C-alpha atoms as a PDB file:
ATOM      1  CA  MET A   1       0.000   0.000   0.000  1.00  0.00           C
ATOM      2  CA  GLU A   2       1.401   3.380  -0.954  1.00  0.00           C
ATOM      3  CA  SER A   3       1.861   6.089   1.631  1.00  0.00           C
ATOM      4  CA  ILE A   4      -0.596   8.950   1.971  1.00  0.00           C
ATOM      5  CA  GLY A   5       1.962  11.436   0.634  1.00  0.00           C
ATOM      6  CA  THR A   6       2.651   9.365  -2.455  1.00  0.00           C
ATOM      7  CA  TYR A   7      -1.072   8.846  -3.007  1.00  0.00           C
ATOM      8  CA  LEU A   8      -1.781  12.586  -2.806  1.00  0.00           C
ATOM      9  CA  ARG A   9       1.147  13.487  -5.077  1.00  0.00           C
ATOM     10  CA  ARG A  10       0.005  10.940  -7.671  1.00  0.00           C
ATOM     11  CA  ARG A  11      -3.548  12.352  -7.591  1.00  0.00           C
ATOM     12  CA  ARG A  12      -2.240  15.937  -7.904  1.00  0.00           C
ATOM     13  CA  GLU A  13      -0.090  15.009 -10.875  1.00  0.00           C
ATOM     14  CA  GLU A  14      -3.060  13.209 -12.506  1.00  0.00           C
ATOM     15  CA  ARG A  15      -4.917  16.532 -12.332  1.00  0.00           C
ATOM     16  CA  ASN A  16      -1.897  18.294 -13.911  1.00  0.00           C
ATOM     17  CA  MET A  17      -1.533  20.635 -10.934  1.00  0.00           C
ATOM     18  CA  SER A  18       1.772  21.992  -9.742  1.00  0.00           C
ATOM     19  CA  VAL A  19       2.596  22.483  -6.075  1.00  0.00           C
ATOM     20  CA  GLY A  20       2.325  26.236  -6.584  1.00  0.00           C
ATOM     21  CA  GLU A  21      -1.162  25.960  -8.074  1.00  0.00           C
ATOM     22  CA  LEU A  22      -2.246  23.699  -5.244  1.00  0.00           C
ATOM     23  CA  SER A  23      -0.755  26.126  -2.747  1.00  0.00           C
ATOM     24  CA  ARG A  24      -2.780  28.995  -4.191  1.00  0.00           C
ATOM     25  CA  ALA A  25      -5.962  26.895  -4.310  1.00  0.00           C
ATOM     26  CA  THR A  26      -5.675  25.639  -0.719  1.00  0.00           C
ATOM     27  CA  ARG A  27      -3.796  28.590   0.815  1.00  0.00           C
ATOM     28  CA  ILE A  28      -1.347  26.098   2.285  1.00  0.00           C
ATOM     29  CA  PRO A  29       2.336  27.062   1.966  1.00  0.00           C
ATOM     30  CA  ALA A  30       4.206  25.156  -0.724  1.00  0.00           C
ATOM     31  CA  ALA A  31       6.788  23.941   1.801  1.00  0.00           C
ATOM     32  CA  THR A  32       3.991  22.391   3.870  1.00  0.00           C
ATOM     33  CA  LEU A  33       2.561  20.671   0.794  1.00  0.00           C
ATOM     34  CA  CYS A  34       5.999  19.241   0.005  1.00  0.00           C
ATOM     35  CA  ARG A  35       6.264  17.910   3.560  1.00  0.00           C
ATOM     36  CA  ILE A  36       2.833  16.296   3.255  1.00  0.00           C
ATOM     37  CA  GLU A  37       3.782  14.653  -0.041  1.00  0.00           C
ATOM     38  CA  SER A  38       7.055  13.472   1.534  1.00  0.00           C
ATOM     39  CA  ASP A  39       5.215  12.027   4.562  1.00  0.00           C
ATOM     40  CA  GLN A  40       7.105  14.336   6.928  1.00  0.00           C
ATOM     41  CA  PHE A  41       4.125  14.901   9.214  1.00  0.00           C
ATOM     42  CA  ASP A  42       6.301  15.290  12.303  1.00  0.00           C
ATOM     43  CA  ASP A  43       7.663  18.536  10.840  1.00  0.00           C
ATOM     44  CA  LEU A  44       4.167  20.039  10.612  1.00  0.00           C
ATOM     45  CA  PRO A  45       2.551  22.134  13.378  1.00  0.00           C
ATOM     46  CA  GLY A  46       0.137  19.642  14.931  1.00  0.00           C
ATOM     47  CA  GLU A  47      -2.401  16.904  14.369  1.00  0.00           C
ATOM     48  CA  VAL A  48      -5.348  19.291  14.029  1.00  0.00           C
ATOM     49  CA  PHE A  49      -3.526  21.360  11.422  1.00  0.00           C
ATOM     50  CA  VAL A  50      -2.398  18.274   9.502  1.00  0.00           C
ATOM     51  CA  ARG A  51      -5.975  17.018   9.276  1.00  0.00           C
ATOM     52  CA  GLY A  52      -7.113  20.447   8.069  1.00  0.00           C
ATOM     53  CA  PHE A  53      -4.361  20.516   5.446  1.00  0.00           C
ATOM     54  CA  LEU A  54      -5.337  17.043   4.254  1.00  0.00           C
ATOM     55  CA  LYS A  55      -9.002  18.037   3.965  1.00  0.00           C
ATOM     56  CA  ALA A  56      -8.109  21.111   1.910  1.00  0.00           C
ATOM     57  CA  TYR A  57      -5.725  19.076  -0.249  1.00  0.00           C
ATOM     58  CA  ALA A  58      -8.374  16.396  -0.853  1.00  0.00           C
ATOM     59  CA  ARG A  59     -10.998  18.974  -1.841  1.00  0.00           C
ATOM     60  CA  ALA A  60      -8.574  20.708  -4.224  1.00  0.00           C
ATOM     61  CA  VAL A  61      -7.772  17.504  -6.094  1.00  0.00           C
ATOM     62  CA  THR A  62     -11.405  16.256  -5.832  1.00  0.00           C
ATOM     63  CA  LEU A  63     -10.779  13.262  -3.594  1.00  0.00           C
ATOM     64  CA  PRO A  64     -13.197  12.013  -0.931  1.00  0.00           C
ATOM     65  CA  VAL A  65     -12.121  13.714   2.302  1.00  0.00           C
ATOM     66  CA  ASP A  66     -13.084  10.751   4.485  1.00  0.00           C
ATOM     67  CA  ASP A  67     -10.941   8.383   2.415  1.00  0.00           C
ATOM     68  CA  VAL A  68      -7.910  10.657   2.654  1.00  0.00           C
ATOM     69  CA  LEU A  69      -8.291  11.033   6.414  1.00  0.00           C
ATOM     70  CA  ALA A  70      -8.787   7.275   6.815  1.00  0.00           C
ATOM     71  CA  ARG A  71      -5.601   6.592   4.835  1.00  0.00           C
ATOM     72  CA  TYR A  72      -3.722   9.129   6.951  1.00  0.00           C
ATOM     73  CA  THR A  73      -4.996   7.662  10.215  1.00  0.00           C
ATOM     74  CA  SER A  74      -4.124   4.116   9.192  1.00  0.00           C
ATOM     75  CA  SER A  75      -0.641   5.162   8.074  1.00  0.00           C
ATOM     76  CA  ARG A  76       0.179   6.988  11.293  1.00  0.00           C
ATOM     77  CA  ARG A  77       1.020   5.145  14.433  1.00  0.00           C
ATOM     78  CA  ILE A  78      -0.034   7.451  17.171  1.00  0.00           C
ATOM     79  CA  ALA A  79       1.059   6.411  20.614  1.00  0.00           C
ATOM     80  CA  TRP A  80      -1.603   7.250  23.115  1.00  0.00           C
ATOM     81  CA  VAL A  81       0.092   8.265  26.314  1.00  0.00           C
ATOM     82  CA  THR A  82      -1.928   8.408  29.462  1.00  0.00           C
ATOM     83  CA  PRO A  83      -0.516  11.177  31.639  1.00  0.00           C
ATOM     84  CA  LEU A  84       0.196  10.319  35.220  1.00  0.00           C
ATOM     85  CA  PRO A  85      -1.848  12.267  37.728  1.00  0.00           C
ATOM     86  CA  PHE A  86       0.073  15.130  39.235  1.00  0.00           C
ATOM     87  CA  THR A  87      -0.192  15.285  42.984  1.00  0.00           C
ATOM     88  CA  ASN A  88       0.785  18.371  44.868  1.00  0.00           C
ATOM     89  CA  PRO A  89       1.976  17.547  48.399  1.00  0.00           C
ATOM     90  CA  ILE A  90       0.140  20.570  49.797  1.00  0.00           C
ATOM     91  CA  GLN A  91      -3.183  19.416  48.415  1.00  0.00           C
ATOM     92  CA  ARG A  92      -3.126  15.827  49.631  1.00  0.00           C
ATOM     93  CA  PRO A  93      -6.182  15.054  51.763  1.00  0.00           C
ATOM     94  CA  HIS A  94      -4.320  13.545  54.721  1.00  0.00           C
ATOM     95  CA  ASN A  95      -2.076  16.625  54.995  1.00  0.00           C
ATOM     96  CA  ARG A  96      -5.148  18.850  54.968  1.00  0.00           C
ATOM     97  CA  ARG A  97      -6.759  16.776  57.734  1.00  0.00           C
ATOM     98  CA  PHE A  98      -3.587  16.986  59.789  1.00  0.00           C
ATOM     99  CA  GLY A  99      -3.479  20.774  59.366  1.00  0.00           C
ATOM    100  CA  VAL A 100      -7.142  21.102  60.344  1.00  0.00           C
ATOM    101  CA  ALA A 101      -6.515  18.975  63.445  1.00  0.00           C
ATOM    102  CA  ILE A 102      -3.584  21.173  64.497  1.00  0.00           C
ATOM    103  CA  ALA A 103      -5.602  24.341  63.936  1.00  0.00           C
ATOM    104  CA  PHE A 104      -8.485  22.902  65.967  1.00  0.00           C
ATOM    105  CA  VAL A 105      -6.198  22.011  68.893  1.00  0.00           C
ATOM    106  CA  LEU A 106      -4.613  25.489  68.854  1.00  0.00           C
ATOM    107  CA  LEU A 107      -8.029  27.167  68.816  1.00  0.00           C
ATOM    108  CA  LEU A 108      -9.170  24.963  71.695  1.00  0.00           C
ATOM    109  CA  ILE A 109      -6.108  25.948  73.750  1.00  0.00           C
ATOM    110  CA  LEU A 110      -6.659  29.658  72.998  1.00  0.00           C
ATOM    111  CA  PHE A 111     -10.361  29.381  73.862  1.00  0.00           C
ATOM    112  CA  THR A 112      -9.565  27.651  77.172  1.00  0.00           C
ATOM    113  CA  LEU A 113      -6.992  30.325  78.026  1.00  0.00           C
ATOM    114  CA  ALA A 114      -9.447  33.137  77.238  1.00  0.00           C
ATOM    115  CA  VAL A 115     -12.221  31.557  79.308  1.00  0.00           C
ATOM    116  CA  SER A 116      -9.870  31.039  82.267  1.00  0.00           C
ATOM    117  CA  ILE A 117      -8.801  34.698  82.145  1.00  0.00           C
ATOM    118  CA  VAL A 118     -12.377  35.970  81.944  1.00  0.00           C
ATOM    119  CA  LEU A 119     -13.788  33.721  84.670  1.00  0.00           C
ATOM    120  CA  LYS A 120     -10.880  34.047  87.102  1.00  0.00           C
ATOM    121  CA  PRO A 121     -12.020  35.584  90.435  1.00  0.00           C
ATOM    122  CA  ARG A 122     -10.504  39.047  90.926  1.00  0.00           C
ATOM    123  CA  GLY A 123     -10.437  39.161  94.718  1.00  0.00           C
ATOM    124  CA  ARG A 124      -7.627  36.682  95.026  1.00  0.00           C
ATOM    125  CA  ASP A 125      -5.303  38.750  92.842  1.00  0.00           C
ATOM    126  CA  LEU A 126      -5.349  41.796  95.122  1.00  0.00           C
ATOM    127  CA  PRO A 127      -3.021  42.191  98.115  1.00  0.00           C
ATOM    128  CA  GLN A 128      -4.526  41.356 101.504  1.00  0.00           C
ATOM    129  CA  GLU A 129      -4.797  45.003 102.627  1.00  0.00           C
ATOM    130  CA  LEU A 130      -6.738  46.134  99.563  1.00  0.00           C
ATOM    131  CA  SER A 131      -9.124  43.211  99.464  1.00  0.00           C
ATOM    132  CA  SER A 132     -10.255  43.737 103.132  1.00  0.00           C
ATOM    133  CA  ASN A 133     -10.715  47.526 102.684  1.00  0.00           C
ATOM    134  CA  ASP A 134     -12.697  47.111  99.508  1.00  0.00           C
ATOM    135  CA  ALA A 135     -15.081  44.705 101.186  1.00  0.00           C
ATOM    136  CA  ALA A 136     -16.226  47.232 103.828  1.00  0.00           C
ATOM    137  CA  PRO A 137     -17.475  50.001 101.510  1.00  0.00           C
ATOM    138  CA  THR A 138     -19.320  47.510  99.370  1.00  0.00           C
ATOM    139  CA  SER A 139     -21.173  46.050 102.328  1.00  0.00           C
ATOM    140  CA  ALA A 140     -22.020  49.557 103.607  1.00  0.00           C
ATOM    141  CA  LEU A 141     -23.563  50.452 100.250  1.00  0.00           C
ATOM    142  CA  LEU A 142     -25.675  47.328 100.214  1.00  0.00           C
ATOM    143  CA  SER A 143     -27.203  47.993 103.650  1.00  0.00           C
END
């Protein structure tokens, strides 16, 4: 079986078209057409562009587009590579759980400290002389 490039070149020559004429008809650069006819698809921009070039080429030389694309696909051996999942160490779930646990413990300690400061009796902090003097005027006001 002949290659897709050879097949397209043979069909172009049967139509008595030069590469320049085909380039003007398809608006594909002549260098790109030469690469297609030489089966140098790796030198072309990308798979989507190559398929577009082949469609335009097939239409210009009045070939069935589906047949040309099928020939191209069967001639190319495309290795399908499954990318490995990228894991970011910061975004791993067990690290996040550990960080949440640490934050919860720290907040619990701060909350306990704040409650102990607020609820601490004030009379025990004062010196003995001040705490006994302060008690007398308060009891006199209450009576």
